[in-house]
Amino acid sequence: MDLRQRAAMAVIRTGRQWLGRTQVARWPLAGAVVRQIVHLGYGSRPTRTAFRDLELTVPPSGSSITAGLLGGYYETIELDLFERLCAESRTVVDVGANLGVYSCLAARRLPPGGRVVAFEPVPENRALLRENVERNAARGAGEAGVDVVVEPLAVGAAAGTAVLRLARDCGQHFVTVDGSRGVPVRQVALDDHLPGLLGDGPDRSPVDVLKVDTEGYEGHVLRGARRILAEDRPTLLVEYCRDTLTRAGFRVEEFADLLAEVYDTIHVVDATAACVRTGAPRDLLTRPYGNRLFNIAAAARPEHAAVLAAWAARHTGRPRHAARHTRPLVPATEDTR
């Protein structure tokens, strides 16, 4: 790392130390500033960096992702859990794989003979995903290795066509549902598509871990995976943001209900407070979860539920003002009372 790169990371780390747990870190301007700092330090070409025993190529355009990977702090709490889960799993499905952080870690941590299915519809992201998978999966578990399949598809509630709105930040591309222009891509539903990859009937490989990060389209992905959720009962890692769900035309009440069909308990990573909150899916309708992005973990299988409980206990804290904000964000109806 040369002087410019060290200076850039020093500025980013200092800003994160002082502002990372405040709302300032969520402002759009903050992302633009980070992008500019990364550009000044690392230039306009993709950069290779070491991260959690991986060697990843990252783009200069991804403000939060690139800075977090270069600085070594990207989704630390979530990835601690994910690596532990992979060590006790066989099949991981990564929807919204982006650059491949989760897919590459799965390829390294799954036991020999494990399988990873990664969905990424954006061509630029997918090119880096393939490069990162090829570089890191080869260093994976044992002679048998881990099979990684990259699918150039969007995932939603049903087969069809999705329209992508591309952003400057590689982690902020999203599916638009308002009829505006974008890039059309083929869309599949997990219930229909995964049997062709993992098999069908009694000999199929059940999904052990399902990770979903689709910038607001998560509800549609889960709606198209209800059979897999009910039958395989995979441990779920899913992003939740009320604003982006609403932008994608999905009701937050239905999102909570989809979780509640399979999972009694959810663990919510609050990055701003650096803690994990444990509760029920319907708690997502209360004020603390109203206007920020969270990552949710939920397990239905006893062996994974124990892993999640121990992980959550290590990160439990009392978030600021949490006790005073319990009013539902949505009007009470027969479904939400």
Protein backbone atom coordinates (compact mmCIF):
# COMPACT_ATOMS: atom_id res chain seq x y z
CA MET A 1 0.00 0.00 0.00
CA ASP A 2 1.56 3.29 -1.08
CA LEU A 3 1.36 6.68 0.67
CA ARG A 4 -1.77 7.83 -1.18
CA GLN A 5 -3.60 4.62 -0.37
CA ARG A 6 -2.59 4.76 3.30
CA ALA A 7 -3.75 8.37 3.49
CA ALA A 8 -7.09 7.55 1.88
CA MET A 9 -7.75 4.67 4.28
CA ALA A 10 -6.68 6.82 7.26
CA VAL A 11 -9.29 9.43 6.32
CA ILE A 12 -11.99 6.77 5.82
CA ARG A 13 -11.20 5.05 9.12
CA THR A 14 -11.19 8.36 10.99
CA GLY A 15 -14.53 9.32 9.49
CA ARG A 16 -15.95 5.92 10.34
CA GLN A 17 -14.66 6.17 13.93
CA TRP A 18 -16.33 9.52 14.52
CA LEU A 19 -19.39 9.33 12.29
CA GLY A 20 -19.93 5.63 11.53
CA ARG A 21 -22.52 5.23 14.30
CA THR A 22 -24.48 8.35 13.39
CA GLN A 23 -27.08 9.12 10.75
CA VAL A 24 -24.46 11.12 8.85
CA ALA A 25 -22.98 7.85 7.59
CA ARG A 26 -26.32 7.08 5.86
CA TRP A 27 -26.52 10.37 3.94
CA PRO A 28 -26.09 10.07 0.13
CA LEU A 29 -23.39 12.77 0.34
CA ALA A 30 -21.36 10.50 2.63
CA GLY A 31 -21.24 7.84 -0.08
CA ALA A 32 -20.13 10.38 -2.66
CA VAL A 33 -17.35 11.59 -0.36
CA VAL A 34 -16.13 8.04 0.25
CA ARG A 35 -16.16 7.32 -3.49
CA GLN A 36 -14.03 10.39 -4.11
CA ILE A 37 -11.56 9.47 -1.36
CA VAL A 38 -11.22 5.93 -2.74
CA HIS A 39 -10.71 7.37 -6.23
CA LEU A 40 -7.99 9.76 -5.02
CA GLY A 41 -6.20 6.99 -3.17
CA TYR A 42 -6.60 4.07 -5.55
CA GLY A 43 -7.33 5.60 -8.96
CA SER A 44 -10.02 4.56 -11.42
CA ARG A 45 -9.06 0.94 -12.00
CA PRO A 46 -10.14 -2.13 -10.04
CA THR A 47 -7.92 -2.86 -7.06
CA ARG A 48 -6.90 -6.20 -5.57
CA THR A 49 -7.03 -6.48 -1.79
CA ALA A 50 -6.74 -9.08 0.95
CA PHE A 51 -9.87 -9.57 3.05
CA ARG A 52 -10.64 -12.38 5.52
CA ASP A 53 -8.21 -14.83 3.98
CA LEU A 54 -9.54 -13.95 0.52
CA GLU A 55 -7.90 -12.11 -2.35
CA LEU A 56 -10.56 -9.93 -3.95
CA THR A 57 -10.67 -7.57 -6.91
CA VAL A 58 -12.84 -4.56 -6.02
CA PRO A 59 -14.01 -1.64 -8.19
CA PRO A 60 -13.33 2.03 -7.45
CA SER A 61 -17.05 2.76 -7.88
CA GLY A 62 -18.36 0.86 -4.87
CA SER A 63 -18.23 3.39 -2.06
CA SER A 64 -19.34 1.41 1.00
CA ILE A 65 -18.32 -2.01 -0.29
CA THR A 66 -14.92 -0.96 -1.64
CA ALA A 67 -13.99 1.13 1.40
CA GLY A 68 -15.12 -1.61 3.78
CA LEU A 69 -13.16 -4.29 1.96
CA LEU A 70 -10.03 -2.17 1.64
CA GLY A 71 -10.30 -1.18 5.30
CA GLY A 72 -11.12 -4.71 6.49
CA TYR A 73 -14.38 -3.76 8.24
CA TYR A 74 -17.06 -4.74 5.71
CA GLU A 75 -20.07 -6.37 7.46
CA THR A 76 -17.86 -7.77 10.21
CA ILE A 77 -20.68 -8.94 12.49
CA GLU A 78 -22.59 -10.64 9.68
CA LEU A 79 -19.56 -12.36 8.18
CA ASP A 80 -18.48 -13.76 11.55
CA LEU A 81 -21.80 -15.59 11.61
CA PHE A 82 -21.77 -16.55 7.93
CA GLU A 83 -18.37 -18.23 8.12
CA ARG A 84 -19.47 -20.29 11.13
CA LEU A 85 -22.67 -21.34 9.36
CA CYS A 86 -20.81 -22.37 6.21
CA ALA A 87 -18.54 -24.66 8.20
CA GLU A 88 -21.66 -26.60 9.24
CA SER A 89 -23.49 -26.54 5.89
CA ARG A 90 -23.41 -28.15 2.46
CA THR A 91 -25.34 -25.81 0.15
CA VAL A 92 -25.36 -22.00 0.11
CA VAL A 93 -27.46 -19.82 -2.20
CA ASP A 94 -26.31 -16.22 -2.62
CA VAL A 95 -28.93 -13.94 -4.22
CA GLY A 96 -27.42 -10.59 -5.14
CA ALA A 97 -23.88 -11.89 -5.00
CA ASN A 98 -22.36 -8.61 -6.20
CA LEU A 99 -18.54 -8.92 -6.15
CA GLY A 100 -18.65 -12.29 -4.44
CA VAL A 101 -17.65 -11.63 -0.84
CA TYR A 102 -20.18 -14.09 0.56
CA SER A 103 -19.84 -16.57 -2.29
CA CYS A 104 -16.05 -16.65 -2.00
CA LEU A 105 -16.18 -17.09 1.77
CA ALA A 106 -18.68 -19.91 1.31
CA ALA A 107 -16.36 -21.56 -1.22
CA ARG A 108 -13.54 -21.37 1.33
CA ARG A 109 -15.51 -22.45 4.41
CA LEU A 110 -17.90 -25.14 3.13
CA PRO A 111 -16.67 -28.72 3.59
CA PRO A 112 -15.41 -30.68 0.55
CA GLY A 113 -18.18 -31.38 -1.91
CA GLY A 114 -20.17 -28.31 -0.89
CA ARG A 115 -22.12 -26.20 -3.38
CA VAL A 116 -22.60 -22.47 -3.87
CA VAL A 117 -25.17 -20.97 -6.25
CA ALA A 118 -24.58 -17.25 -6.82
CA PHE A 119 -27.08 -15.01 -8.63
CA GLU A 120 -25.83 -11.69 -10.06
CA PRO A 121 -27.58 -10.02 -13.00
CA VAL A 122 -25.34 -6.93 -13.43
CA PRO A 123 -22.61 -7.73 -16.01
CA GLU A 124 -19.87 -5.56 -14.46
CA ASN A 125 -20.45 -7.02 -11.00
CA ARG A 126 -20.69 -10.53 -12.42
CA ALA A 127 -17.32 -10.22 -14.18
CA LEU A 128 -15.66 -9.38 -10.86
CA LEU A 129 -17.68 -12.10 -9.13
CA ARG A 130 -16.39 -14.74 -11.56
CA GLU A 131 -12.82 -13.48 -11.25
CA ASN A 132 -12.99 -13.52 -7.45
CA VAL A 133 -14.62 -16.95 -7.34
CA GLU A 134 -12.07 -18.47 -9.71
CA ARG A 135 -9.20 -17.06 -7.68
CA ASN A 136 -10.51 -18.02 -4.25
CA ALA A 137 -12.52 -21.19 -4.81
CA ALA A 138 -9.40 -22.93 -6.10
CA ARG A 139 -7.92 -22.42 -2.64
CA GLY A 140 -11.01 -23.91 -0.98
CA ALA A 141 -11.66 -27.08 0.95
CA GLY A 142 -9.74 -30.23 0.13
CA GLU A 143 -9.20 -32.10 -3.11
CA ALA A 144 -12.92 -32.39 -3.75
CA GLY A 145 -13.22 -28.62 -3.57
CA VAL A 146 -16.49 -26.70 -3.63
CA ASP A 147 -18.69 -26.36 -6.70
CA VAL A 148 -19.60 -22.71 -7.40
CA VAL A 149 -22.25 -21.91 -10.02
CA VAL A 150 -22.70 -18.29 -11.13
CA GLU A 151 -26.16 -17.53 -12.55
CA PRO A 152 -26.53 -14.31 -14.66
CA LEU A 153 -30.12 -13.85 -13.51
CA ALA A 154 -32.31 -11.65 -11.39
CA VAL A 155 -34.43 -13.41 -8.78
CA GLY A 156 -38.00 -12.50 -7.92
CA ALA A 157 -41.46 -13.85 -7.21
CA ALA A 158 -41.95 -15.45 -10.64
CA ALA A 159 -40.20 -16.08 -13.93
CA GLY A 160 -40.17 -13.18 -16.35
CA THR A 161 -38.18 -10.03 -17.02
CA ALA A 162 -36.82 -7.60 -14.44
CA VAL A 163 -35.69 -4.07 -15.24
CA LEU A 164 -32.49 -2.96 -13.51
CA ARG A 165 -31.73 0.64 -12.64
CA LEU A 166 -27.93 0.93 -12.58
CA ALA A 167 -26.20 3.21 -10.08
CA ARG A 168 -22.69 4.63 -9.75
CA ASP A 169 -22.21 2.61 -6.58
CA CYS A 170 -21.80 -1.08 -7.48
CA GLY A 171 -23.79 -2.04 -4.41
CA GLN A 172 -26.84 0.09 -5.18
CA HIS A 173 -28.20 -1.27 -8.47
CA PHE A 174 -31.87 -2.15 -8.04
CA VAL A 175 -34.91 -3.55 -9.80
CA THR A 176 -37.36 -0.83 -10.76
CA VAL A 177 -41.09 -1.58 -10.73
CA ASP A 178 -42.50 1.84 -11.68
CA GLY A 179 -42.23 1.39 -15.43
CA SER A 180 -39.16 3.58 -15.78
CA ARG A 181 -36.39 2.75 -18.21
CA GLY A 182 -33.54 0.46 -17.32
CA VAL A 183 -31.68 -2.68 -18.34
CA PRO A 184 -33.96 -5.70 -18.92
CA VAL A 185 -32.69 -9.02 -17.53
CA ARG A 186 -34.15 -12.48 -17.20
CA GLN A 187 -35.78 -13.17 -13.84
CA VAL A 188 -36.42 -16.51 -12.14
CA ALA A 189 -38.05 -17.68 -8.92
CA LEU A 190 -35.97 -19.85 -6.60
CA ASP A 191 -38.77 -22.40 -6.15
CA ASP A 192 -38.79 -23.01 -9.91
CA HIS A 193 -35.11 -22.59 -10.75
CA LEU A 194 -33.14 -24.27 -7.97
CA PRO A 195 -34.48 -27.82 -8.57
CA GLY A 196 -32.75 -27.75 -11.94
CA LEU A 197 -29.45 -27.02 -10.20
CA LEU A 198 -29.74 -28.91 -6.93
CA GLY A 199 -31.99 -31.75 -7.99
CA ASP A 200 -35.62 -32.54 -7.22
CA GLY A 201 -37.35 -35.17 -5.17
CA PRO A 202 -35.90 -37.07 -2.18
CA ASP A 203 -32.31 -37.00 -3.49
CA ARG A 204 -32.06 -33.25 -3.97
CA SER A 205 -29.62 -31.11 -2.02
CA PRO A 206 -31.54 -28.92 0.46
CA VAL A 207 -30.54 -25.28 0.80
CA ASP A 208 -28.74 -24.82 4.12
CA VAL A 209 -28.04 -21.08 3.98
CA LEU A 210 -29.91 -18.50 1.88
CA LYS A 211 -28.43 -15.01 1.68
CA VAL A 212 -30.49 -12.28 -0.04
CA ASP A 213 -29.28 -8.72 -0.70
CA THR A 214 -31.17 -7.16 -3.61
CA GLU A 215 -31.59 -3.48 -2.68
CA GLY A 216 -35.28 -3.62 -1.79
CA TYR A 217 -36.33 -6.59 -3.92
CA GLU A 218 -35.87 -9.03 -1.03
CA GLY A 219 -39.60 -9.45 -0.44
CA HIS A 220 -40.17 -10.56 -4.02
CA VAL A 221 -37.28 -13.03 -3.73
CA LEU A 222 -38.75 -14.57 -0.57
CA ARG A 223 -42.23 -14.69 -2.12
CA GLY A 224 -40.76 -16.79 -4.93
CA ALA A 225 -38.99 -19.08 -2.44
CA ARG A 226 -41.85 -20.00 -0.09
CA ARG A 227 -41.63 -23.72 -0.87
CA ILE A 228 -37.87 -23.81 -0.28
CA LEU A 229 -38.26 -21.87 2.95
CA ALA A 230 -40.99 -24.22 4.17
CA GLU A 231 -39.37 -27.50 3.09
CA ASP A 232 -35.64 -26.84 3.49
CA ARG A 233 -35.91 -24.38 6.40
CA PRO A 234 -32.61 -22.75 5.46
CA THR A 235 -30.87 -20.29 7.71
CA LEU A 236 -31.71 -16.90 6.23
CA LEU A 237 -29.50 -13.84 5.93
CA VAL A 238 -31.52 -11.03 4.36
CA GLU A 239 -31.27 -7.28 4.04
CA TYR A 240 -34.19 -5.20 5.32
CA CYS A 241 -34.91 -1.55 4.61
CA ARG A 242 -38.45 -0.22 4.75
CA ASP A 243 -37.80 2.53 2.20
CA THR A 244 -36.28 0.25 -0.45
CA LEU A 245 -38.96 -2.41 0.07
CA THR A 246 -41.61 0.26 -0.50
CA ARG A 247 -39.76 1.47 -3.60
CA ALA A 248 -39.94 -2.08 -4.95
CA GLY A 249 -43.70 -2.16 -4.40
CA PHE A 250 -43.58 -4.56 -1.45
CA ARG A 251 -45.47 -4.13 1.82
CA VAL A 252 -43.41 -4.36 4.99
CA GLU A 253 -46.27 -6.26 6.65
CA GLU A 254 -46.04 -9.02 4.03
CA PHE A 255 -42.25 -9.15 4.45
CA ALA A 256 -42.66 -9.73 8.20
CA ASP A 257 -45.38 -12.31 7.56
CA LEU A 258 -43.17 -14.23 5.11
CA LEU A 259 -40.49 -14.47 7.78
CA ALA A 260 -43.00 -15.48 10.44
CA GLU A 261 -44.21 -18.43 8.34
CA VAL A 262 -40.89 -20.20 9.03
CA TYR A 263 -38.97 -18.29 11.70
CA ASP A 264 -40.19 -17.55 15.22
CA THR A 265 -37.12 -15.49 16.09
CA ILE A 266 -35.02 -13.05 14.09
CA HIS A 267 -31.68 -11.43 14.91
CA VAL A 268 -31.22 -7.94 13.47
CA VAL A 269 -27.79 -6.40 13.00
CA ASP A 270 -27.85 -2.71 13.85
CA ALA A 271 -24.60 -1.47 12.32
CA THR A 272 -25.09 2.05 13.67
CA ALA A 273 -25.30 0.80 17.25
CA ALA A 274 -22.86 -2.08 16.59
CA CYS A 275 -25.17 -4.62 18.18
CA VAL A 276 -27.63 -7.42 17.41
CA ARG A 277 -31.28 -7.13 18.45
CA THR A 278 -33.29 -10.32 18.94
CA GLY A 279 -37.05 -10.41 18.56
CA ALA A 280 -39.97 -11.59 16.45
CA PRO A 281 -40.54 -10.86 12.73
CA ARG A 282 -43.42 -8.49 13.52
CA ASP A 283 -41.01 -6.30 15.48
CA LEU A 284 -39.83 -5.04 12.09
CA LEU A 285 -43.02 -2.96 11.96
CA THR A 286 -41.98 -0.88 14.97
CA ARG A 287 -40.24 2.47 14.90
CA PRO A 288 -36.60 1.41 15.53
CA TYR A 289 -36.61 -0.28 12.12
CA GLY A 290 -38.25 2.56 10.26
CA ASN A 291 -35.72 4.43 8.18
CA ARG A 292 -32.42 2.59 8.05
CA LEU A 293 -30.88 -0.51 6.51
CA PHE A 294 -30.51 -3.65 8.61
CA ASN A 295 -29.31 -7.20 8.02
CA ILE A 296 -31.45 -9.99 9.46
CA ALA A 297 -30.43 -13.51 10.43
CA ALA A 298 -32.97 -16.24 11.20
CA ALA A 299 -32.70 -19.99 11.72
CA ALA A 300 -35.33 -22.71 11.93
CA ARG A 301 -33.06 -25.75 12.27
CA PRO A 302 -31.96 -26.40 15.86
CA GLU A 303 -28.28 -26.79 15.03
CA HIS A 304 -28.12 -23.42 13.26
CA ALA A 305 -30.44 -21.75 15.78
CA ALA A 306 -27.91 -22.53 18.50
CA VAL A 307 -25.13 -20.96 16.42
CA LEU A 308 -27.22 -17.81 15.91
CA ALA A 309 -28.15 -17.55 19.57
CA ALA A 310 -24.51 -17.74 20.67
CA TRP A 311 -23.47 -15.21 18.01
CA ALA A 312 -26.26 -12.79 18.97
CA ALA A 313 -25.36 -13.07 22.66
CA ARG A 314 -21.80 -11.92 21.87
CA HIS A 315 -23.12 -8.83 20.12
CA THR A 316 -26.08 -7.91 22.31
CA GLY A 317 -26.26 -4.29 23.39
CA ARG A 318 -28.89 -1.77 24.33
CA PRO A 319 -29.41 0.42 21.26
CA ARG A 320 -29.89 4.08 21.95
CA HIS A 321 -33.54 5.08 22.53
CA ALA A 322 -34.75 1.58 21.59
CA ALA A 323 -37.06 1.29 24.61
CA ARG A 324 -38.92 4.47 23.73
CA HIS A 325 -39.80 3.57 20.13
CA THR A 326 -42.26 0.72 19.91
CA ARG A 327 -45.14 2.28 17.95
CA PRO A 328 -45.91 0.52 14.67
CA LEU A 329 -44.78 2.42 11.60
CA VAL A 330 -47.87 1.36 9.66
CA PRO A 331 -51.52 2.00 10.52
CA ALA A 332 -53.02 -0.75 12.65
CA THR A 333 -55.19 -3.19 10.74
CA GLU A 334 -56.59 -6.59 11.54
CA ASP A 335 -53.27 -7.99 10.36
CA THR A 336 -51.03 -5.70 12.44
CA ARG A 337 -52.90 -5.32 15.73
